[in-house]
Amino acid sequence: MVEQEVEVIAVEATRLLVEAERRSSCQSCSVKSGCGTSVLAKWFDNRHLRFYVDKPSSEASEKISVGDRVWVGLREAALTQGALSVYLIPLLVMIAIALLIESWLPDAFYWRDLIVAASALAGLCLALVMVRFYLNTGRARQNFNPVLLLPYEGKTPSEKSERTC
């Protein structure tokens, strides 16, 4: 499970609004001066990310208030599935539609390359809409939501579980 320490911004009846500081490995990299990612990180440096976390019905979660530090976690499988959904599926659909349209068009057609390129772009847009629809369904949304692990006690949830085992 990928774990992150976050700060509680707002407390609602069933969920918490939390804010996480984005971590970048650019500060510790030795080639950051010549790296394009480092330059982009400086230009688009939105250091904080806000999102909602469902609040479990327990006595400990009722004591959480604004300004508290808590741990949230996201399963590695959800991270992998999300990356594949957002990056790989649109690329594959774009290529498949472009190849399909190219196979249907006659070789001597004058606007062949333009139509194939336009169909690839249309396939990409279609796939992005399909992925967005999929990610907004209840089942997918539940799989990709982070979960509240425990209030912050100076240890990561992994460290705490290692000592209790």
N, C-alpha and C. Protein backbone atom coordinates (compact mmCIF):
# COMPACT_ATOMS: atom_id res chain seq x y z
N MET A 1 0.84 -1.17 0.00
CA MET A 1 0.00 0.00 0.00
C MET A 1 0.89 1.24 0.00
N VAL A 2 0.55 2.21 -0.83
CA VAL A 2 1.26 3.47 -0.88
C VAL A 2 0.65 4.37 0.20
N GLU A 3 1.49 4.87 1.09
CA GLU A 3 1.02 5.64 2.23
C GLU A 3 1.51 7.08 2.13
N GLN A 4 0.68 8.00 2.63
CA GLN A 4 1.02 9.43 2.59
C GLN A 4 0.45 10.10 3.82
N GLU A 5 1.25 10.94 4.43
CA GLU A 5 0.78 11.74 5.55
C GLU A 5 0.09 12.98 4.99
N VAL A 6 -1.10 13.29 5.49
CA VAL A 6 -1.88 14.41 4.98
C VAL A 6 -2.42 15.23 6.16
N GLU A 7 -2.86 16.44 5.87
CA GLU A 7 -3.46 17.31 6.88
C GLU A 7 -4.95 17.42 6.62
N VAL A 8 -5.73 17.34 7.67
CA VAL A 8 -7.19 17.45 7.56
C VAL A 8 -7.55 18.92 7.38
N ILE A 9 -8.30 19.24 6.33
CA ILE A 9 -8.71 20.60 6.03
C ILE A 9 -10.14 20.85 6.49
N ALA A 10 -11.01 19.84 6.30
CA ALA A 10 -12.41 19.97 6.71
C ALA A 10 -12.93 18.60 7.13
N VAL A 11 -13.83 18.61 8.10
CA VAL A 11 -14.42 17.38 8.60
C VAL A 11 -15.91 17.42 8.30
N GLU A 12 -16.41 16.41 7.60
CA GLU A 12 -17.83 16.27 7.31
C GLU A 12 -18.34 15.03 8.04
N ALA A 13 -19.62 14.75 7.91
CA ALA A 13 -20.22 13.63 8.64
C ALA A 13 -19.62 12.29 8.21
N THR A 14 -19.42 12.09 6.91
CA THR A 14 -18.97 10.78 6.43
C THR A 14 -17.61 10.80 5.76
N ARG A 15 -17.02 11.98 5.59
CA ARG A 15 -15.74 12.04 4.91
C ARG A 15 -14.90 13.22 5.41
N LEU A 16 -13.63 13.17 5.06
CA LEU A 16 -12.68 14.21 5.43
C LEU A 16 -12.10 14.82 4.16
N LEU A 17 -11.94 16.14 4.15
CA LEU A 17 -11.20 16.81 3.09
C LEU A 17 -9.78 16.95 3.59
N VAL A 18 -8.84 16.37 2.87
CA VAL A 18 -7.44 16.38 3.29
C VAL A 18 -6.58 17.03 2.23
N GLU A 19 -5.41 17.48 2.65
CA GLU A 19 -4.47 18.12 1.73
C GLU A 19 -3.12 17.43 1.87
N ALA A 20 -2.60 16.97 0.75
CA ALA A 20 -1.30 16.30 0.72
C ALA A 20 -0.30 17.18 0.00
N GLU A 21 0.92 17.18 0.49
CA GLU A 21 1.98 17.89 -0.20
C GLU A 21 2.59 16.95 -1.22
N ARG A 22 2.68 17.41 -2.45
CA ARG A 22 3.27 16.58 -3.49
C ARG A 22 4.76 16.48 -3.28
N ARG A 23 5.24 15.27 -3.37
CA ARG A 23 6.67 15.03 -3.22
C ARG A 23 7.29 14.82 -4.59
N SER A 24 8.40 15.44 -4.79
CA SER A 24 9.12 15.28 -6.04
C SER A 24 10.52 14.80 -5.73
N SER A 25 11.02 13.92 -6.56
CA SER A 25 12.39 13.43 -6.35
C SER A 25 13.41 14.34 -7.04
N CYS A 26 12.96 15.44 -7.62
CA CYS A 26 13.87 16.33 -8.34
C CYS A 26 14.90 17.00 -7.41
N GLN A 27 14.52 17.25 -6.15
CA GLN A 27 15.45 17.93 -5.25
C GLN A 27 16.69 17.08 -4.95
N SER A 28 16.54 15.77 -4.95
CA SER A 28 17.68 14.92 -4.62
C SER A 28 18.40 14.38 -5.85
N CYS A 29 17.94 14.73 -7.03
CA CYS A 29 18.54 14.21 -8.26
C CYS A 29 19.79 15.00 -8.62
N SER A 30 20.81 14.32 -9.10
CA SER A 30 22.07 14.98 -9.42
C SER A 30 22.05 15.67 -10.79
N VAL A 31 21.11 15.32 -11.66
CA VAL A 31 21.07 15.93 -13.00
C VAL A 31 19.86 16.85 -13.16
N LYS A 32 19.38 17.43 -12.05
CA LYS A 32 18.17 18.23 -12.13
C LYS A 32 18.34 19.50 -12.96
N SER A 33 19.56 19.99 -13.11
CA SER A 33 19.76 21.21 -13.89
C SER A 33 19.55 20.99 -15.38
N GLY A 34 19.76 19.78 -15.86
CA GLY A 34 19.60 19.51 -17.29
C GLY A 34 18.39 18.67 -17.62
N CYS A 35 17.48 18.53 -16.69
CA CYS A 35 16.34 17.64 -16.87
C CYS A 35 15.09 18.44 -17.21
N GLY A 36 14.35 17.97 -18.19
CA GLY A 36 13.11 18.64 -18.58
C GLY A 36 12.02 18.52 -17.53
N THR A 37 11.99 17.40 -16.82
CA THR A 37 10.99 17.22 -15.78
C THR A 37 11.19 18.22 -14.65
N SER A 38 12.43 18.49 -14.30
CA SER A 38 12.73 19.46 -13.25
C SER A 38 12.28 20.86 -13.65
N VAL A 39 12.50 21.21 -14.91
CA VAL A 39 12.08 22.53 -15.40
C VAL A 39 10.55 22.64 -15.36
N LEU A 40 9.87 21.60 -15.80
CA LEU A 40 8.40 21.62 -15.77
C LEU A 40 7.87 21.66 -14.34
N ALA A 41 8.53 20.97 -13.43
CA ALA A 41 8.11 20.97 -12.04
C ALA A 41 8.20 22.36 -11.43
N LYS A 42 9.21 23.14 -11.85
CA LYS A 42 9.33 24.51 -11.35
C LYS A 42 8.24 25.41 -11.91
N TRP A 43 7.85 25.20 -13.16
CA TRP A 43 6.85 26.04 -13.79
C TRP A 43 5.44 25.72 -13.29
N PHE A 44 5.16 24.47 -13.13
CA PHE A 44 3.83 24.03 -12.71
C PHE A 44 3.90 23.45 -11.30
N ASP A 45 4.38 24.23 -10.39
CA ASP A 45 4.62 23.74 -9.04
C ASP A 45 3.39 23.93 -8.16
N ASN A 46 2.39 23.08 -8.36
CA ASN A 46 1.23 23.05 -7.49
C ASN A 46 1.55 22.05 -6.38
N ARG A 47 2.06 22.54 -5.29
CA ARG A 47 2.64 21.68 -4.26
C ARG A 47 1.60 20.94 -3.41
N HIS A 48 0.34 21.33 -3.47
CA HIS A 48 -0.66 20.71 -2.61
C HIS A 48 -1.80 20.12 -3.43
N LEU A 49 -2.28 19.00 -2.98
CA LEU A 49 -3.37 18.29 -3.64
C LEU A 49 -4.44 18.02 -2.60
N ARG A 50 -5.67 18.44 -2.89
CA ARG A 50 -6.78 18.22 -1.97
C ARG A 50 -7.70 17.13 -2.51
N PHE A 51 -8.15 16.26 -1.62
CA PHE A 51 -9.07 15.19 -1.99
C PHE A 51 -9.84 14.73 -0.76
N TYR A 52 -10.92 14.00 -1.02
CA TYR A 52 -11.76 13.48 0.06
C TYR A 52 -11.38 12.05 0.39
N VAL A 53 -11.50 11.71 1.68
CA VAL A 53 -11.28 10.36 2.18
C VAL A 53 -12.50 9.99 3.01
N ASP A 54 -13.05 8.80 2.78
CA ASP A 54 -14.17 8.34 3.58
C ASP A 54 -13.73 8.14 5.02
N LYS A 55 -14.59 8.56 5.93
CA LYS A 55 -14.28 8.43 7.36
C LYS A 55 -14.91 7.14 7.88
N PRO A 56 -14.09 6.22 8.39
CA PRO A 56 -14.66 4.99 8.92
C PRO A 56 -15.45 5.27 10.21
N SER A 57 -16.41 4.42 10.49
CA SER A 57 -17.21 4.63 11.70
C SER A 57 -16.51 3.96 12.88
N SER A 58 -15.63 4.71 13.52
CA SER A 58 -14.92 4.22 14.69
C SER A 58 -14.73 5.38 15.65
N GLU A 59 -14.39 5.05 16.88
CA GLU A 59 -14.21 6.07 17.90
C GLU A 59 -13.01 6.96 17.58
N ALA A 60 -11.95 6.38 17.05
CA ALA A 60 -10.75 7.15 16.72
C ALA A 60 -11.02 8.16 15.60
N SER A 61 -11.83 7.78 14.62
CA SER A 61 -12.10 8.70 13.51
C SER A 61 -13.01 9.84 13.93
N GLU A 62 -13.79 9.67 14.98
CA GLU A 62 -14.65 10.74 15.47
C GLU A 62 -13.86 11.84 16.17
N LYS A 63 -12.66 11.52 16.64
CA LYS A 63 -11.82 12.49 17.34
C LYS A 63 -11.00 13.35 16.38
N ILE A 64 -11.00 13.04 15.11
CA ILE A 64 -10.21 13.79 14.13
C ILE A 64 -10.84 15.16 13.91
N SER A 65 -10.00 16.20 13.95
CA SER A 65 -10.49 17.55 13.73
C SER A 65 -9.61 18.26 12.71
N VAL A 66 -10.03 19.46 12.33
CA VAL A 66 -9.31 20.25 11.34
C VAL A 66 -7.90 20.55 11.87
N GLY A 67 -6.90 20.36 11.03
CA GLY A 67 -5.51 20.60 11.38
C GLY A 67 -4.77 19.36 11.83
N ASP A 68 -5.47 18.26 12.09
CA ASP A 68 -4.81 17.02 12.48
C ASP A 68 -4.06 16.42 11.30
N ARG A 69 -3.02 15.67 11.61
CA ARG A 69 -2.26 14.93 10.61
C ARG A 69 -2.71 13.49 10.66
N VAL A 70 -3.06 12.92 9.51
CA VAL A 70 -3.50 11.53 9.42
C VAL A 70 -2.77 10.85 8.27
N TRP A 71 -2.86 9.54 8.24
CA TRP A 71 -2.26 8.76 7.16
C TRP A 71 -3.37 8.23 6.26
N VAL A 72 -3.16 8.33 4.96
CA VAL A 72 -4.06 7.72 3.99
C VAL A 72 -3.25 6.75 3.15
N GLY A 73 -3.92 5.77 2.60
CA GLY A 73 -3.23 4.77 1.79
C GLY A 73 -4.01 4.46 0.53
N LEU A 74 -3.29 4.05 -0.48
CA LEU A 74 -3.86 3.65 -1.76
C LEU A 74 -3.19 2.34 -2.16
N ARG A 75 -4.00 1.37 -2.53
CA ARG A 75 -3.45 0.07 -2.92
C ARG A 75 -2.59 0.22 -4.18
N GLU A 76 -1.49 -0.54 -4.26
CA GLU A 76 -0.63 -0.51 -5.44
C GLU A 76 -1.38 -0.95 -6.69
N ALA A 77 -2.29 -1.91 -6.52
CA ALA A 77 -3.07 -2.39 -7.67
C ALA A 77 -3.93 -1.28 -8.23
N ALA A 78 -4.48 -0.44 -7.38
CA ALA A 78 -5.29 0.69 -7.86
C ALA A 78 -4.43 1.69 -8.61
N LEU A 79 -3.23 1.90 -8.14
CA LEU A 79 -2.31 2.81 -8.81
C LEU A 79 -1.93 2.28 -10.19
N THR A 80 -1.65 1.00 -10.27
CA THR A 80 -1.30 0.38 -11.56
C THR A 80 -2.49 0.39 -12.51
N GLN A 81 -3.66 0.01 -12.02
CA GLN A 81 -4.86 0.00 -12.86
C GLN A 81 -5.20 1.40 -13.36
N GLY A 82 -5.03 2.39 -12.50
CA GLY A 82 -5.30 3.77 -12.90
C GLY A 82 -4.35 4.24 -13.99
N ALA A 83 -3.08 3.92 -13.84
CA ALA A 83 -2.10 4.32 -14.86
C ALA A 83 -2.38 3.63 -16.19
N LEU A 84 -2.71 2.34 -16.14
CA LEU A 84 -3.04 1.62 -17.38
C LEU A 84 -4.31 2.18 -18.02
N SER A 85 -5.28 2.52 -17.21
CA SER A 85 -6.54 3.06 -17.74
C SER A 85 -6.33 4.41 -18.41
N VAL A 86 -5.52 5.24 -17.81
CA VAL A 86 -5.35 6.60 -18.32
C VAL A 86 -4.36 6.68 -19.47
N TYR A 87 -3.33 5.84 -19.46
CA TYR A 87 -2.28 5.94 -20.48
C TYR A 87 -2.36 4.87 -21.56
N LEU A 88 -2.46 3.62 -21.19
CA LEU A 88 -2.35 2.53 -22.16
C LEU A 88 -3.61 2.35 -22.99
N ILE A 89 -4.77 2.35 -22.37
CA ILE A 89 -6.02 2.10 -23.11
C ILE A 89 -6.25 3.15 -24.19
N PRO A 90 -6.14 4.46 -23.91
CA PRO A 90 -6.32 5.43 -25.00
C PRO A 90 -5.32 5.27 -26.13
N LEU A 91 -4.08 4.93 -25.81
CA LEU A 91 -3.07 4.72 -26.84
C LEU A 91 -3.42 3.53 -27.72
N LEU A 92 -3.82 2.43 -27.11
CA LEU A 92 -4.19 1.24 -27.89
C LEU A 92 -5.43 1.46 -28.75
N VAL A 93 -6.42 2.16 -28.21
CA VAL A 93 -7.63 2.44 -29.00
C VAL A 93 -7.29 3.37 -30.16
N MET A 94 -6.45 4.36 -29.92
CA MET A 94 -6.05 5.28 -30.99
C MET A 94 -5.36 4.52 -32.12
N ILE A 95 -4.43 3.65 -31.78
CA ILE A 95 -3.71 2.89 -32.80
C ILE A 95 -4.63 1.92 -33.52
N ALA A 96 -5.52 1.25 -32.78
CA ALA A 96 -6.43 0.28 -33.39
C ALA A 96 -7.38 0.96 -34.39
N ILE A 97 -7.92 2.09 -34.02
CA ILE A 97 -8.84 2.79 -34.93
C ILE A 97 -8.09 3.31 -36.16
N ALA A 98 -6.90 3.84 -35.97
CA ALA A 98 -6.12 4.31 -37.11
C ALA A 98 -5.80 3.16 -38.07
N LEU A 99 -5.42 2.01 -37.54
CA LEU A 99 -5.12 0.85 -38.39
C LEU A 99 -6.38 0.33 -39.09
N LEU A 100 -7.49 0.35 -38.40
CA LEU A 100 -8.74 -0.10 -38.99
C LEU A 100 -9.16 0.80 -40.15
N ILE A 101 -9.10 2.10 -39.94
CA ILE A 101 -9.47 3.05 -41.00
C ILE A 101 -8.49 2.95 -42.17
N GLU A 102 -7.20 2.78 -41.87
CA GLU A 102 -6.20 2.66 -42.93
C GLU A 102 -6.45 1.41 -43.77
N SER A 103 -6.87 0.33 -43.15
CA SER A 103 -7.12 -0.90 -43.91
C SER A 103 -8.37 -0.78 -44.79
N TRP A 104 -9.32 0.06 -44.42
CA TRP A 104 -10.54 0.23 -45.21
C TRP A 104 -10.35 1.17 -46.39
N LEU A 105 -9.44 2.12 -46.28
CA LEU A 105 -9.27 3.11 -47.36
C LEU A 105 -8.47 2.51 -48.51
N PRO A 106 -8.84 2.85 -49.74
CA PRO A 106 -8.04 2.38 -50.88
C PRO A 106 -6.67 3.07 -50.90
N ASP A 107 -5.68 2.37 -51.47
CA ASP A 107 -4.31 2.89 -51.48
C ASP A 107 -4.17 4.17 -52.29
N ALA A 108 -4.96 4.33 -53.32
CA ALA A 108 -4.83 5.49 -54.20
C ALA A 108 -5.66 6.68 -53.73
N PHE A 109 -6.28 6.60 -52.57
CA PHE A 109 -7.11 7.70 -52.08
C PHE A 109 -6.23 8.90 -51.74
N TYR A 110 -6.61 10.09 -52.23
CA TYR A 110 -5.77 11.28 -52.14
C TYR A 110 -5.58 11.76 -50.69
N TRP A 111 -6.61 11.78 -49.89
CA TRP A 111 -6.57 12.31 -48.53
C TRP A 111 -6.34 11.21 -47.48
N ARG A 112 -5.77 10.11 -47.89
CA ARG A 112 -5.62 8.94 -47.03
C ARG A 112 -4.91 9.25 -45.72
N ASP A 113 -3.74 9.86 -45.76
CA ASP A 113 -2.97 10.14 -44.55
C ASP A 113 -3.71 11.10 -43.61
N LEU A 114 -4.37 12.09 -44.17
CA LEU A 114 -5.12 13.04 -43.36
C LEU A 114 -6.29 12.36 -42.65
N ILE A 115 -6.98 11.49 -43.35
CA ILE A 115 -8.12 10.77 -42.75
C ILE A 115 -7.64 9.80 -41.68
N VAL A 116 -6.53 9.13 -41.92
CA VAL A 116 -5.98 8.22 -40.91
C VAL A 116 -5.56 9.00 -39.67
N ALA A 117 -4.92 10.15 -39.85
CA ALA A 117 -4.51 10.96 -38.69
C ALA A 117 -5.73 11.49 -37.93
N ALA A 118 -6.75 11.92 -38.67
CA ALA A 118 -7.97 12.41 -38.03
C ALA A 118 -8.68 11.28 -37.28
N SER A 119 -8.70 10.10 -37.85
CA SER A 119 -9.33 8.97 -37.17
C SER A 119 -8.55 8.56 -35.93
N ALA A 120 -7.23 8.67 -35.96
CA ALA A 120 -6.42 8.38 -34.77
C ALA A 120 -6.74 9.38 -33.66
N LEU A 121 -6.87 10.65 -34.01
CA LEU A 121 -7.22 11.67 -33.03
C LEU A 121 -8.63 11.43 -32.48
N ALA A 122 -9.56 11.07 -33.36
CA ALA A 122 -10.93 10.77 -32.91
C ALA A 122 -10.94 9.54 -32.00
N GLY A 123 -10.13 8.53 -32.33
CA GLY A 123 -10.02 7.35 -31.48
C GLY A 123 -9.46 7.68 -30.11
N LEU A 124 -8.49 8.57 -30.06
CA LEU A 124 -7.92 9.01 -28.79
C LEU A 124 -8.98 9.72 -27.95
N CYS A 125 -9.71 10.62 -28.57
CA CYS A 125 -10.77 11.35 -27.85
C CYS A 125 -11.85 10.38 -27.36
N LEU A 126 -12.25 9.44 -28.20
CA LEU A 126 -13.25 8.45 -27.81
C LEU A 126 -12.77 7.62 -26.62
N ALA A 127 -11.53 7.19 -26.65
CA ALA A 127 -10.98 6.39 -25.56
C ALA A 127 -10.89 7.20 -24.27
N LEU A 128 -10.52 8.46 -24.36
CA LEU A 128 -10.45 9.29 -23.16
C LEU A 128 -11.83 9.48 -22.54
N VAL A 129 -12.86 9.64 -23.37
CA VAL A 129 -14.22 9.74 -22.86
C VAL A 129 -14.65 8.43 -22.22
N MET A 130 -14.30 7.30 -22.84
CA MET A 130 -14.65 5.99 -22.28
C MET A 130 -13.95 5.77 -20.93
N VAL A 131 -12.69 6.14 -20.83
CA VAL A 131 -11.95 5.98 -19.58
C VAL A 131 -12.54 6.88 -18.50
N ARG A 132 -12.89 8.09 -18.87
CA ARG A 132 -13.50 9.00 -17.89
C ARG A 132 -14.83 8.45 -17.39
N PHE A 133 -15.64 7.91 -18.30
CA PHE A 133 -16.91 7.30 -17.91
C PHE A 133 -16.67 6.11 -16.98
N TYR A 134 -15.69 5.28 -17.31
CA TYR A 134 -15.37 4.12 -16.47
C TYR A 134 -14.90 4.54 -15.08
N LEU A 135 -14.04 5.55 -15.01
CA LEU A 135 -13.51 5.98 -13.73
C LEU A 135 -14.56 6.67 -12.86
N ASN A 136 -15.63 7.16 -13.47
CA ASN A 136 -16.69 7.80 -12.70
C ASN A 136 -17.77 6.83 -12.26
N THR A 137 -17.70 5.56 -12.65
CA THR A 137 -18.67 4.59 -12.18
C THR A 137 -18.41 4.30 -10.71
N GLY A 138 -19.43 3.85 -10.02
CA GLY A 138 -19.32 3.62 -8.58
C GLY A 138 -18.27 2.60 -8.20
N ARG A 139 -18.20 1.50 -8.94
CA ARG A 139 -17.25 0.44 -8.62
C ARG A 139 -15.81 0.91 -8.80
N ALA A 140 -15.53 1.58 -9.91
CA ALA A 140 -14.18 2.07 -10.16
C ALA A 140 -13.81 3.16 -9.15
N ARG A 141 -14.75 4.02 -8.86
CA ARG A 141 -14.48 5.10 -7.91
C ARG A 141 -14.13 4.53 -6.54
N GLN A 142 -14.82 3.47 -6.15
CA GLN A 142 -14.55 2.83 -4.87
C GLN A 142 -13.16 2.18 -4.86
N ASN A 143 -12.76 1.58 -5.97
CA ASN A 143 -11.44 0.93 -6.05
C ASN A 143 -10.29 1.93 -6.02
N PHE A 144 -10.51 3.13 -6.55
CA PHE A 144 -9.43 4.11 -6.67
C PHE A 144 -9.41 5.13 -5.54
N ASN A 145 -10.32 5.04 -4.58
CA ASN A 145 -10.33 5.98 -3.47
C ASN A 145 -9.28 5.60 -2.44
N PRO A 146 -8.57 6.60 -1.92
CA PRO A 146 -7.66 6.32 -0.81
C PRO A 146 -8.46 6.05 0.46
N VAL A 147 -7.85 5.36 1.41
CA VAL A 147 -8.52 5.04 2.66
C VAL A 147 -7.76 5.65 3.83
N LEU A 148 -8.48 5.97 4.87
CA LEU A 148 -7.89 6.52 6.08
C LEU A 148 -7.26 5.37 6.87
N LEU A 149 -5.99 5.51 7.21
CA LEU A 149 -5.29 4.43 7.89
C LEU A 149 -5.28 4.62 9.40
N LEU A 150 -4.81 5.76 9.89
CA LEU A 150 -4.80 6.01 11.33
C LEU A 150 -4.39 7.44 11.57
N PRO A 151 -4.70 7.98 12.74
CA PRO A 151 -4.18 9.32 13.05
C PRO A 151 -2.67 9.28 13.17
N TYR A 152 -2.03 10.39 12.89
CA TYR A 152 -0.58 10.47 12.89
C TYR A 152 -0.03 10.34 14.31
N GLU A 153 0.92 9.43 14.49
CA GLU A 153 1.55 9.22 15.78
C GLU A 153 3.07 9.24 15.66
N GLY A 154 3.61 9.81 14.61
CA GLY A 154 5.04 9.86 14.44
C GLY A 154 5.61 8.65 13.70
N LYS A 155 4.77 7.67 13.39
CA LYS A 155 5.21 6.47 12.68
C LYS A 155 4.31 6.26 11.48
N THR A 156 4.86 5.65 10.46
CA THR A 156 4.03 5.27 9.33
C THR A 156 3.20 4.06 9.73
N PRO A 157 2.08 3.82 9.08
CA PRO A 157 1.30 2.61 9.40
C PRO A 157 2.11 1.34 9.22
N SER A 158 3.02 1.31 8.26
CA SER A 158 3.86 0.12 8.06
C SER A 158 4.77 -0.11 9.25
N GLU A 159 5.39 0.95 9.78
CA GLU A 159 6.26 0.82 10.93
C GLU A 159 5.49 0.36 12.15
N LYS A 160 4.28 0.87 12.34
CA LYS A 160 3.48 0.49 13.49
C LYS A 160 3.10 -0.99 13.41
N SER A 161 2.72 -1.47 12.21
CA SER A 161 2.33 -2.87 12.09
C SER A 161 3.52 -3.81 12.24
N GLU A 162 4.71 -3.36 11.86
CA GLU A 162 5.91 -4.19 12.01
C GLU A 162 6.23 -4.42 13.48
N ARG A 163 6.01 -3.41 14.31
CA ARG A 163 6.35 -3.55 15.73
C ARG A 163 5.31 -4.35 16.48
N THR A 164 4.07 -4.35 16.01
CA THR A 164 3.04 -5.09 16.72
C THR A 164 3.02 -6.56 16.33
N CYS A 165 3.64 -6.91 15.20
CA CYS A 165 3.63 -8.30 14.75
C CYS A 165 4.66 -9.14 15.48
